[in-house]
Amino acid sequence: MLAGRPPFRAHSAVSVLHRICKFPHEPIQRINNQVPL
């Protein structure tokens, strides 16, 4: 809702699942610095 995109993105569903399992999300403030702390 605040970034306009999901926290985990990739080119395929399997790649998205891999990102969810292995990598942290990109902090929302890097995408939308208007989001309150």
Full PDB file with SEQRES, HELIX, SHEET, SSBOND, CRYST1, ORIGX, SCALE, CONECT and MASTER records, all heavy atoms in Angstrom:
SEQRES   1 A   37  MET LEU ALA GLY ARG PRO PRO PHE ARG ALA HIS SER ALA          
SEQRES   2 A   37  VAL SER VAL LEU HIS ARG ILE CYS LYS PHE PRO HIS GLU          
SEQRES   3 A   37  PRO ILE GLN ARG ILE ASN ASN GLN VAL PRO LEU                  
HELIX    1 AA1 ALA A   13  LYS A   22  1                                  10    
HELIX    2 AA2 ILE A   28  ILE A   31  1                                   4    
CRYST1    1.000    1.000    1.000  90.00  90.00  90.00 P 1           1          
ORIGX1      1.000000  0.000000  0.000000        0.00000                         
ORIGX2      0.000000  1.000000  0.000000        0.00000                         
ORIGX3      0.000000  0.000000  1.000000        0.00000                         
SCALE1      1.000000  0.000000  0.000000        0.00000                         
SCALE2      0.000000  1.000000  0.000000        0.00000                         
SCALE3      0.000000  0.000000  1.000000        0.00000                         
ATOM      1  N   MET A   1       0.823  -1.214   0.000  1.00  0.00           N  
ATOM      2  CA  MET A   1       0.000   0.000   0.000  1.00  0.00           C  
ATOM      3  C   MET A   1       0.857   1.264   0.000  1.00  0.00           C  
ATOM      4  O   MET A   1       0.493   2.261  -0.623  1.00  0.00           O  
ATOM      5  CB  MET A   1      -0.926  -0.002   1.216  1.00  0.00           C  
ATOM      6  CG  MET A   1      -2.015  -1.056   1.149  1.00  0.00           C  
ATOM      7  SD  MET A   1      -2.921  -1.264   2.697  1.00  0.00           S  
ATOM      8  CE  MET A   1      -3.478   0.378   3.034  1.00  0.00           C  
ATOM      9  N   LEU A   2       1.983   1.233   0.688  1.00  0.00           N  
ATOM     10  CA  LEU A   2       2.818   2.426   0.821  1.00  0.00           C  
ATOM     11  C   LEU A   2       3.928   2.513  -0.224  1.00  0.00           C  
ATOM     12  O   LEU A   2       4.411   3.602  -0.513  1.00  0.00           O  
ATOM     13  CB  LEU A   2       3.414   2.473   2.227  1.00  0.00           C  
ATOM     14  CG  LEU A   2       2.379   2.625   3.345  1.00  0.00           C  
ATOM     15  CD1 LEU A   2       3.043   2.483   4.707  1.00  0.00           C  
ATOM     16  CD2 LEU A   2       1.644   3.946   3.228  1.00  0.00           C  
ATOM     17  N   ALA A   3       4.329   1.379  -0.773  1.00  0.00           N  
ATOM     18  CA  ALA A   3       5.424   1.376  -1.746  1.00  0.00           C  
ATOM     19  C   ALA A   3       4.934   1.265  -3.190  1.00  0.00           C  
ATOM     20  O   ALA A   3       5.659   1.594  -4.119  1.00  0.00           O  
ATOM     21  CB  ALA A   3       6.374   0.215  -1.454  1.00  0.00           C  
ATOM     22  N   GLY A   4       3.718   0.753  -3.349  1.00  0.00           N  
ATOM     23  CA  GLY A   4       3.210   0.541  -4.699  1.00  0.00           C  
ATOM     24  C   GLY A   4       3.737  -0.730  -5.329  1.00  0.00           C  
ATOM     25  O   GLY A   4       3.563  -0.959  -6.518  1.00  0.00           O  
ATOM     26  N   ARG A   5       4.382  -1.551  -4.515  1.00  0.00           N  
ATOM     27  CA  ARG A   5       4.900  -2.840  -4.977  1.00  0.00           C  
ATOM     28  C   ARG A   5       5.083  -3.751  -3.769  1.00  0.00           C  
ATOM     29  O   ARG A   5       5.222  -3.273  -2.649  1.00  0.00           O  
ATOM     30  CB  ARG A   5       6.216  -2.685  -5.724  1.00  0.00           C  
ATOM     31  CG  ARG A   5       7.370  -2.197  -4.862  1.00  0.00           C  
ATOM     32  CD  ARG A   5       8.655  -2.218  -5.674  1.00  0.00           C  
ATOM     33  NE  ARG A   5       9.825  -1.908  -4.933  1.00  0.00           N  
ATOM     34  CZ  ARG A   5      10.515  -2.767  -4.174  1.00  0.00           C  
ATOM     35  NH1 ARG A   5      10.112  -3.999  -4.024  1.00  0.00           N  
ATOM     36  NH2 ARG A   5      11.619  -2.394  -3.555  1.00  0.00           N  
ATOM     37  N   PRO A   6       5.068  -5.056  -3.997  1.00  0.00           N  
ATOM     38  CA  PRO A   6       5.254  -5.965  -2.865  1.00  0.00           C  
ATOM     39  C   PRO A   6       6.685  -5.921  -2.336  1.00  0.00           C  
ATOM     40  O   PRO A   6       7.609  -5.508  -3.051  1.00  0.00           O  
ATOM     41  CB  PRO A   6       4.915  -7.339  -3.445  1.00  0.00           C  
ATOM     42  CG  PRO A   6       5.024  -7.197  -4.916  1.00  0.00           C  
ATOM     43  CD  PRO A   6       4.814  -5.759  -5.247  1.00  0.00           C  
ATOM     44  N   PRO A   7       6.904  -6.385  -1.112  1.00  0.00           N  
ATOM     45  CA  PRO A   7       8.241  -6.332  -0.529  1.00  0.00           C  
ATOM     46  C   PRO A   7       9.224  -7.330  -1.147  1.00  0.00           C  
ATOM     47  O   PRO A   7      10.430  -7.154  -1.028  1.00  0.00           O  
ATOM     48  CB  PRO A   7       8.007  -6.648   0.947  1.00  0.00           C  
ATOM     49  CG  PRO A   7       6.702  -7.349   0.999  1.00  0.00           C  
ATOM     50  CD  PRO A   7       5.910  -6.836  -0.151  1.00  0.00           C  
ATOM     51  N   PHE A   8       8.719  -8.348  -1.802  1.00  0.00           N  
ATOM     52  CA  PHE A   8       9.579  -9.359  -2.431  1.00  0.00           C  
ATOM     53  C   PHE A   8       9.139  -9.517  -3.878  1.00  0.00           C  
ATOM     54  O   PHE A   8       8.000  -9.904  -4.148  1.00  0.00           O  
ATOM     55  CB  PHE A   8       9.479 -10.694  -1.683  1.00  0.00           C  
ATOM     56  CG  PHE A   8       9.834 -10.566  -0.233  1.00  0.00           C  
ATOM     57  CD1 PHE A   8       8.849 -10.376   0.725  1.00  0.00           C  
ATOM     58  CD2 PHE A   8      11.159 -10.609   0.184  1.00  0.00           C  
ATOM     59  CE1 PHE A   8       9.171 -10.240   2.070  1.00  0.00           C  
ATOM     60  CE2 PHE A   8      11.496 -10.461   1.519  1.00  0.00           C  
ATOM     61  CZ  PHE A   8      10.499 -10.281   2.459  1.00  0.00           C  
ATOM     62  N   ARG A   9      10.051  -9.216  -4.802  1.00  0.00           N  
ATOM     63  CA  ARG A   9       9.728  -9.303  -6.227  1.00  0.00           C  
ATOM     64  C   ARG A   9      10.784 -10.123  -6.947  1.00  0.00           C  
ATOM     65  O   ARG A   9      11.953 -10.125  -6.562  1.00  0.00           O  
ATOM     66  CB  ARG A   9       9.699  -7.913  -6.862  1.00  0.00           C  
ATOM     67  CG  ARG A   9       8.674  -7.001  -6.268  1.00  0.00           C  
ATOM     68  CD  ARG A   9       8.597  -5.683  -6.995  1.00  0.00           C  
ATOM     69  NE  ARG A   9       9.905  -5.031  -7.041  1.00  0.00           N  
ATOM     70  CZ  ARG A   9      10.199  -4.006  -7.828  1.00  0.00           C  
ATOM     71  NH1 ARG A   9       9.314  -3.511  -8.627  1.00  0.00           N  
ATOM     72  NH2 ARG A   9      11.396  -3.468  -7.798  1.00  0.00           N  
ATOM     73  N   ALA A  10      10.337 -10.805  -7.985  1.00  0.00           N  
ATOM     74  CA  ALA A  10      11.238 -11.563  -8.846  1.00  0.00           C  
ATOM     75  C   ALA A  10      10.468 -11.905 -10.119  1.00  0.00           C  
ATOM     76  O   ALA A  10       9.275 -11.608 -10.237  1.00  0.00           O  
ATOM     77  CB  ALA A  10      11.732 -12.817  -8.145  1.00  0.00           C  
ATOM     78  N   HIS A  11      11.157 -12.542 -11.062  1.00  0.00           N  
ATOM     79  CA  HIS A  11      10.564 -12.834 -12.364  1.00  0.00           C  
ATOM     80  C   HIS A  11       9.651 -14.052 -12.385  1.00  0.00           C  
ATOM     81  O   HIS A  11       8.900 -14.232 -13.329  1.00  0.00           O  
ATOM     82  CB  HIS A  11      11.669 -12.992 -13.413  1.00  0.00           C  
ATOM     83  CG  HIS A  11      12.359 -11.698 -13.700  1.00  0.00           C  
ATOM     84  ND1 HIS A  11      13.526 -11.337 -13.050  1.00  0.00           N  
ATOM     85  CD2 HIS A  11      12.030 -10.673 -14.509  1.00  0.00           C  
ATOM     86  CE1 HIS A  11      13.896 -10.142 -13.483  1.00  0.00           C  
ATOM     87  NE2 HIS A  11      13.010  -9.719 -14.367  1.00  0.00           N  
ATOM     88  N   SER A  12       9.713 -14.883 -11.361  1.00  0.00           N  
ATOM     89  CA  SER A  12       8.853 -16.064 -11.317  1.00  0.00           C  
ATOM     90  C   SER A  12       8.380 -16.295  -9.884  1.00  0.00           C  
ATOM     91  O   SER A  12       8.969 -15.780  -8.928  1.00  0.00           O  
ATOM     92  CB  SER A  12       9.608 -17.302 -11.813  1.00  0.00           C  
ATOM     93  OG  SER A  12      10.603 -17.683 -10.885  1.00  0.00           O  
ATOM     94  N   ALA A  13       7.327 -17.082  -9.759  1.00  0.00           N  
ATOM     95  CA  ALA A  13       6.791 -17.380  -8.428  1.00  0.00           C  
ATOM     96  C   ALA A  13       7.825 -18.096  -7.566  1.00  0.00           C  
ATOM     97  O   ALA A  13       7.963 -17.794  -6.376  1.00  0.00           O  
ATOM     98  CB  ALA A  13       5.521 -18.222  -8.561  1.00  0.00           C  
ATOM     99  N   VAL A  14       8.553 -19.024  -8.155  1.00  0.00           N  
ATOM    100  CA  VAL A  14       9.577 -19.755  -7.402  1.00  0.00           C  
ATOM    101  C   VAL A  14      10.667 -18.801  -6.918  1.00  0.00           C  
ATOM    102  O   VAL A  14      11.125 -18.902  -5.772  1.00  0.00           O  
ATOM    103  CB  VAL A  14      10.179 -20.892  -8.266  1.00  0.00           C  
ATOM    104  CG1 VAL A  14      11.363 -21.532  -7.570  1.00  0.00           C  
ATOM    105  CG2 VAL A  14       9.115 -21.921  -8.581  1.00  0.00           C  
ATOM    106  N   SER A  15      11.048 -17.853  -7.735  1.00  0.00           N  
ATOM    107  CA  SER A  15      12.066 -16.879  -7.346  1.00  0.00           C  
ATOM    108  C   SER A  15      11.568 -15.960  -6.231  1.00  0.00           C  
ATOM    109  O   SER A  15      12.331 -15.583  -5.337  1.00  0.00           O  
ATOM    110  CB  SER A  15      12.497 -16.046  -8.555  1.00  0.00           C  
ATOM    111  OG  SER A  15      13.126 -16.858  -9.513  1.00  0.00           O  
ATOM    112  N   VAL A  16      10.285 -15.613  -6.261  1.00  0.00           N  
ATOM    113  CA  VAL A  16       9.706 -14.805  -5.186  1.00  0.00           C  
ATOM    114  C   VAL A  16       9.774 -15.581  -3.876  1.00  0.00           C  
ATOM    115  O   VAL A  16      10.189 -15.049  -2.842  1.00  0.00           O  
ATOM    116  CB  VAL A  16       8.249 -14.398  -5.500  1.00  0.00           C  
ATOM    117  CG1 VAL A  16       7.577 -13.785  -4.274  1.00  0.00           C  
ATOM    118  CG2 VAL A  16       8.200 -13.428  -6.662  1.00  0.00           C  
ATOM    119  N   LEU A  17       9.395 -16.851  -3.913  1.00  0.00           N  
ATOM    120  CA  LEU A  17       9.443 -17.680  -2.709  1.00  0.00           C  
ATOM    121  C   LEU A  17      10.872 -17.789  -2.178  1.00  0.00           C  
ATOM    122  O   LEU A  17      11.094 -17.740  -0.967  1.00  0.00           O  
ATOM    123  CB  LEU A  17       8.868 -19.066  -2.986  1.00  0.00           C  
ATOM    124  CG  LEU A  17       7.382 -19.100  -3.346  1.00  0.00           C  
ATOM    125  CD1 LEU A  17       6.952 -20.521  -3.673  1.00  0.00           C  
ATOM    126  CD2 LEU A  17       6.527 -18.507  -2.262  1.00  0.00           C  
ATOM    127  N   HIS A  18      11.833 -17.906  -3.086  1.00  0.00           N  
ATOM    128  CA  HIS A  18      13.239 -17.959  -2.672  1.00  0.00           C  
ATOM    129  C   HIS A  18      13.637 -16.663  -1.960  1.00  0.00           C  
ATOM    130  O   HIS A  18      14.294 -16.695  -0.916  1.00  0.00           O  
ATOM    131  CB  HIS A  18      14.129 -18.207  -3.893  1.00  0.00           C  
ATOM    132  CG  HIS A  18      15.592 -18.197  -3.577  1.00  0.00           C  
ATOM    133  ND1 HIS A  18      16.207 -19.218  -2.913  1.00  0.00           N  
ATOM    134  CD2 HIS A  18      16.548 -17.264  -3.831  1.00  0.00           C  
ATOM    135  CE1 HIS A  18      17.487 -18.935  -2.761  1.00  0.00           C  
ATOM    136  NE2 HIS A  18      17.722 -17.747  -3.315  1.00  0.00           N  
ATOM    137  N   ARG A  19      13.239 -15.540  -2.506  1.00  0.00           N  
ATOM    138  CA  ARG A  19      13.563 -14.252  -1.878  1.00  0.00           C  
ATOM    139  C   ARG A  19      12.924 -14.131  -0.498  1.00  0.00           C  
ATOM    140  O   ARG A  19      13.540 -13.636   0.445  1.00  0.00           O  
ATOM    141  CB  ARG A  19      13.117 -13.092  -2.764  1.00  0.00           C  
ATOM    142  CG  ARG A  19      14.006 -12.878  -3.949  1.00  0.00           C  
ATOM    143  CD  ARG A  19      13.554 -11.639  -4.709  1.00  0.00           C  
ATOM    144  NE  ARG A  19      14.364 -11.464  -5.885  1.00  0.00           N  
ATOM    145  CZ  ARG A  19      15.448 -10.701  -5.933  1.00  0.00           C  
ATOM    146  NH1 ARG A  19      15.843 -10.052  -4.866  1.00  0.00           N  
ATOM    147  NH2 ARG A  19      16.132 -10.588  -7.046  1.00  0.00           N  
ATOM    148  N   ILE A  20      11.665 -14.572  -0.393  1.00  0.00           N  
ATOM    149  CA  ILE A  20      10.982 -14.512   0.903  1.00  0.00           C  
ATOM    150  C   ILE A  20      11.737 -15.330   1.940  1.00  0.00           C  
ATOM    151  O   ILE A  20      11.885 -14.902   3.089  1.00  0.00           O  
ATOM    152  CB  ILE A  20       9.522 -15.010   0.762  1.00  0.00           C  
ATOM    153  CG1 ILE A  20       8.690 -13.994  -0.026  1.00  0.00           C  
ATOM    154  CG2 ILE A  20       8.893 -15.272   2.126  1.00  0.00           C  
ATOM    155  CD1 ILE A  20       7.313 -14.493  -0.420  1.00  0.00           C  
ATOM    156  N   CYS A  21      12.226 -16.503   1.530  1.00  0.00           N  
ATOM    157  CA  CYS A  21      12.901 -17.410   2.469  1.00  0.00           C  
ATOM    158  C   CYS A  21      14.326 -16.981   2.804  1.00  0.00           C  
ATOM    159  O   CYS A  21      14.810 -17.257   3.908  1.00  0.00           O  
ATOM    160  CB  CYS A  21      12.948 -18.828   1.888  1.00  0.00           C  
ATOM    161  SG  CYS A  21      11.338 -19.610   1.783  1.00  0.00           S  
ATOM    162  N   LYS A  22      15.015 -16.325   1.884  1.00  0.00           N  
ATOM    163  CA  LYS A  22      16.453 -16.112   2.039  1.00  0.00           C  
ATOM    164  C   LYS A  22      16.915 -14.668   2.210  1.00  0.00           C  
ATOM    165  O   LYS A  22      18.039 -14.433   2.645  1.00  0.00           O  
ATOM    166  CB  LYS A  22      17.190 -16.696   0.830  1.00  0.00           C  
ATOM    167  CG  LYS A  22      16.962 -18.172   0.612  1.00  0.00           C  
ATOM    168  CD  LYS A  22      17.601 -18.977   1.705  1.00  0.00           C  
ATOM    169  CE  LYS A  22      17.386 -20.468   1.444  1.00  0.00           C  
ATOM    170  NZ  LYS A  22      17.895 -21.295   2.498  1.00  0.00           N  
ATOM    171  N   PHE A  23      16.084 -13.700   1.854  1.00  0.00           N  
ATOM    172  CA  PHE A  23      16.548 -12.312   1.852  1.00  0.00           C  
ATOM    173  C   PHE A  23      15.592 -11.398   2.607  1.00  0.00           C  
ATOM    174  O   PHE A  23      14.385 -11.604   2.568  1.00  0.00           O  
ATOM    175  CB  PHE A  23      16.691 -11.797   0.416  1.00  0.00           C  
ATOM    176  CG  PHE A  23      17.678 -12.574  -0.402  1.00  0.00           C  
ATOM    177  CD1 PHE A  23      17.243 -13.540  -1.292  1.00  0.00           C  
ATOM    178  CD2 PHE A  23      19.034 -12.353  -0.257  1.00  0.00           C  
ATOM    179  CE1 PHE A  23      18.154 -14.270  -2.042  1.00  0.00           C  
ATOM    180  CE2 PHE A  23      19.951 -13.072  -1.005  1.00  0.00           C  
ATOM    181  CZ  PHE A  23      19.507 -14.038  -1.896  1.00  0.00           C  
ATOM    182  N   PRO A  24      16.104 -10.372   3.264  1.00  0.00           N  
ATOM    183  CA  PRO A  24      15.224  -9.397   3.922  1.00  0.00           C  
ATOM    184  C   PRO A  24      14.588  -8.469   2.880  1.00  0.00           C  
ATOM    185  O   PRO A  24      15.096  -8.330   1.758  1.00  0.00           O  
ATOM    186  CB  PRO A  24      16.174  -8.622   4.836  1.00  0.00           C  
ATOM    187  CG  PRO A  24      17.499  -8.728   4.167  1.00  0.00           C  
ATOM    188  CD  PRO A  24      17.523 -10.079   3.487  1.00  0.00           C  
ATOM    189  N   HIS A  25      13.498  -7.864   3.252  1.00  0.00           N  
ATOM    190  CA  HIS A  25      12.848  -6.898   2.371  1.00  0.00           C  
ATOM    191  C   HIS A  25      13.668  -5.609   2.312  1.00  0.00           C  
ATOM    192  O   HIS A  25      14.453  -5.320   3.224  1.00  0.00           O  
ATOM    193  CB  HIS A  25      11.435  -6.603   2.864  1.00  0.00           C  
ATOM    194  CG  HIS A  25      11.397  -5.933   4.197  1.00  0.00           C  
ATOM    195  ND1 HIS A  25      11.565  -6.636   5.389  1.00  0.00           N  
ATOM    196  CD2 HIS A  25      11.241  -4.635   4.558  1.00  0.00           C  
ATOM    197  CE1 HIS A  25      11.505  -5.795   6.390  1.00  0.00           C  
ATOM    198  NE2 HIS A  25      11.314  -4.565   5.929  1.00  0.00           N  
ATOM    199  N   GLU A  26      13.471  -4.851   1.267  1.00  0.00           N  
ATOM    200  CA  GLU A  26      14.098  -3.531   1.182  1.00  0.00           C  
ATOM    201  C   GLU A  26      13.318  -2.586   2.099  1.00  0.00           C  
ATOM    202  O   GLU A  26      12.082  -2.562   2.052  1.00  0.00           O  
ATOM    203  CB  GLU A  26      14.054  -3.013  -0.254  1.00  0.00           C  
ATOM    204  CG  GLU A  26      14.726  -1.691  -0.444  1.00  0.00           C  
ATOM    205  CD  GLU A  26      14.751  -1.235  -1.885  1.00  0.00           C  
ATOM    206  OE1 GLU A  26      14.206  -1.928  -2.756  1.00  0.00           O  
ATOM    207  OE2 GLU A  26      15.328  -0.164  -2.130  1.00  0.00           O  
ATOM    208  N   PRO A  27      14.002  -1.847   2.954  1.00  0.00           N  
ATOM    209  CA  PRO A  27      13.271  -0.947   3.863  1.00  0.00           C  
ATOM    210  C   PRO A  27      12.341  -0.010   3.094  1.00  0.00           C  
ATOM    211  O   PRO A  27      12.710   0.552   2.055  1.00  0.00           O  
ATOM    212  CB  PRO A  27      14.388  -0.169   4.560  1.00  0.00           C  
ATOM    213  CG  PRO A  27      15.568  -1.090   4.500  1.00  0.00           C  
ATOM    214  CD  PRO A  27      15.434  -1.798   3.167  1.00  0.00           C  
ATOM    215  N   ILE A  28      11.148   0.143   3.608  1.00  0.00           N  
ATOM    216  CA  ILE A  28      10.112   0.940   2.939  1.00  0.00           C  
ATOM    217  C   ILE A  28      10.555   2.388   2.734  1.00  0.00           C  
ATOM    218  O   ILE A  28      10.223   3.003   1.723  1.00  0.00           O  
ATOM    219  CB  ILE A  28       8.774   0.871   3.721  1.00  0.00           C  
ATOM    220  CG1 ILE A  28       7.628   1.513   2.953  1.00  0.00           C  
ATOM    221  CG2 ILE A  28       8.877   1.526   5.066  1.00  0.00           C  
ATOM    222  CD1 ILE A  28       7.067   0.677   1.878  1.00  0.00           C  
ATOM    223  N   GLN A  29      11.347   2.921   3.645  1.00  0.00           N  
ATOM    224  CA  GLN A  29      11.748   4.323   3.512  1.00  0.00           C  
ATOM    225  C   GLN A  29      12.719   4.551   2.353  1.00  0.00           C  
ATOM    226  O   GLN A  29      12.864   5.684   1.912  1.00  0.00           O  
ATOM    227  CB  GLN A  29      12.304   4.847   4.827  1.00  0.00           C  
ATOM    228  CG  GLN A  29      11.203   4.958   5.869  1.00  0.00           C  
ATOM    229  CD  GLN A  29      11.528   5.929   6.954  1.00  0.00           C  
ATOM    230  OE1 GLN A  29      12.669   6.022   7.373  1.00  0.00           O  
ATOM    231  NE2 GLN A  29      10.531   6.651   7.417  1.00  0.00           N  
ATOM    232  N   ARG A  30      13.362   3.517   1.861  1.00  0.00           N  
ATOM    233  CA  ARG A  30      14.194   3.663   0.659  1.00  0.00           C  
ATOM    234  C   ARG A  30      13.324   3.850  -0.583  1.00  0.00           C  
ATOM    235  O   ARG A  30      13.766   4.417  -1.574  1.00  0.00           O  
ATOM    236  CB  ARG A  30      15.076   2.442   0.455  1.00  0.00           C  
ATOM    237  CG  ARG A  30      16.229   2.371   1.403  1.00  0.00           C  
ATOM    238  CD  ARG A  30      17.175   1.294   0.974  1.00  0.00           C  
ATOM    239  NE  ARG A  30      18.103   0.990   2.043  1.00  0.00           N  
ATOM    240  CZ  ARG A  30      18.821  -0.097   2.102  1.00  0.00           C  
ATOM    241  NH1 ARG A  30      18.715  -1.024   1.154  1.00  0.00           N  
ATOM    242  NH2 ARG A  30      19.644  -0.312   3.101  1.00  0.00           N  
ATOM    243  N   ILE A  31      12.103   3.363  -0.516  1.00  0.00           N  
ATOM    244  CA  ILE A  31      11.194   3.447  -1.654  1.00  0.00           C  
ATOM    245  C   ILE A  31      10.276   4.656  -1.531  1.00  0.00           C  
ATOM    246  O   ILE A  31       9.994   5.336  -2.502  1.00  0.00           O  
ATOM    247  CB  ILE A  31      10.361   2.154  -1.745  1.00  0.00           C  
ATOM    248  CG1 ILE A  31      11.301   0.969  -1.963  1.00  0.00           C  
ATOM    249  CG2 ILE A  31       9.331   2.220  -2.862  1.00  0.00           C  
ATOM    250  CD1 ILE A  31      10.684  -0.354  -1.699  1.00  0.00           C  
ATOM    251  N   ASN A  32       9.808   4.897  -0.308  1.00  0.00           N  
ATOM    252  CA  ASN A  32       8.899   6.016  -0.047  1.00  0.00           C  
ATOM    253  C   ASN A  32       9.339   6.707   1.239  1.00  0.00           C  
ATOM    254  O   ASN A  32       8.974   6.285   2.328  1.00  0.00           O  
ATOM    255  CB  ASN A  32       7.458   5.496   0.066  1.00  0.00           C  
ATOM    256  CG  ASN A  32       6.460   6.595   0.314  1.00  0.00           C  
ATOM    257  OD1 ASN A  32       6.822   7.750   0.554  1.00  0.00           O  
ATOM    258  ND2 ASN A  32       5.183   6.252   0.264  1.00  0.00           N  
ATOM    259  N   ASN A  33      10.102   7.766   1.100  1.00  0.00           N  
ATOM    260  CA  ASN A  33      10.628   8.449   2.289  1.00  0.00           C  
ATOM    261  C   ASN A  33       9.571   9.286   3.011  1.00  0.00           C  
ATOM    262  O   ASN A  33       9.862   9.912   4.018  1.00  0.00           O  
ATOM    263  CB  ASN A  33      11.853   9.290   1.943  1.00  0.00           C  
ATOM    264  CG  ASN A  33      11.560  10.394   0.969  1.00  0.00           C  
ATOM    265  OD1 ASN A  33      10.423  10.635   0.585  1.00  0.00           O  
ATOM    266  ND2 ASN A  33      12.604  11.073   0.536  1.00  0.00           N  
ATOM    267  N   GLN A  34       8.345   9.267   2.514  1.00  0.00           N  
ATOM    268  CA  GLN A  34       7.242   9.966   3.178  1.00  0.00           C  
ATOM    269  C   GLN A  34       6.599   9.121   4.276  1.00  0.00           C  
ATOM    270  O   GLN A  34       5.789   9.620   5.048  1.00  0.00           O  
ATOM    271  CB  GLN A  34       6.165  10.345   2.150  1.00  0.00           C  
ATOM    272  CG  GLN A  34       6.669  11.248   1.042  1.00  0.00           C  
ATOM    273  CD  GLN A  34       7.073  12.619   1.566  1.00  0.00           C  
ATOM    274  OE1 GLN A  34       6.343  13.220   2.354  1.00  0.00           O  
ATOM    275  NE2 GLN A  34       8.230  13.095   1.153  1.00  0.00           N  
ATOM    276  N   VAL A  35       6.962   7.852   4.338  1.00  0.00           N  
ATOM    277  CA  VAL A  35       6.391   6.950   5.348  1.00  0.00           C  
ATOM    278  C   VAL A  35       6.969   7.325   6.714  1.00  0.00           C  
ATOM    279  O   VAL A  35       8.194   7.380   6.879  1.00  0.00           O  
ATOM    280  CB  VAL A  35       6.710   5.477   5.012  1.00  0.00           C  
ATOM    281  CG1 VAL A  35       6.233   4.550   6.123  1.00  0.00           C  
ATOM    282  CG2 VAL A  35       6.091   5.088   3.679  1.00  0.00           C  
ATOM    283  N   PRO A  36       6.105   7.568   7.693  1.00  0.00           N  
ATOM    284  CA  PRO A  36       6.604   7.899   9.035  1.00  0.00           C  
ATOM    285  C   PRO A  36       7.458   6.766   9.613  1.00  0.00           C  
ATOM    286  O   PRO A  36       7.218   5.584   9.330  1.00  0.00           O  
ATOM    287  CB  PRO A  36       5.326   8.078   9.863  1.00  0.00           C  
ATOM    288  CG  PRO A  36       4.256   8.363   8.857  1.00  0.00           C  
ATOM    289  CD  PRO A  36       4.652   7.625   7.616  1.00  0.00           C  
ATOM    290  N   LEU A  37       8.433   7.127  10.407  1.00  0.00           N  
ATOM    291  CA  LEU A  37       9.349   6.155  11.004  1.00  0.00           C  
ATOM    292  C   LEU A  37       8.603   5.087  11.803  1.00  0.00           C  
ATOM    293  O   LEU A  37       8.964   3.912  11.761  1.00  0.00           O  
ATOM    294  CB  LEU A  37      10.373   6.876  11.886  1.00  0.00           C  
ATOM    295  CG  LEU A  37      11.481   6.019  12.468  1.00  0.00           C  
ATOM    296  CD1 LEU A  37      12.263   5.316  11.365  1.00  0.00           C  
ATOM    297  CD2 LEU A  37      12.409   6.867  13.305  1.00  0.00           C  
TER     298      LEU A  37                                                      
MASTER        0    0    0    2    0    0    0    6  297    1    0    3          
END                                                                             
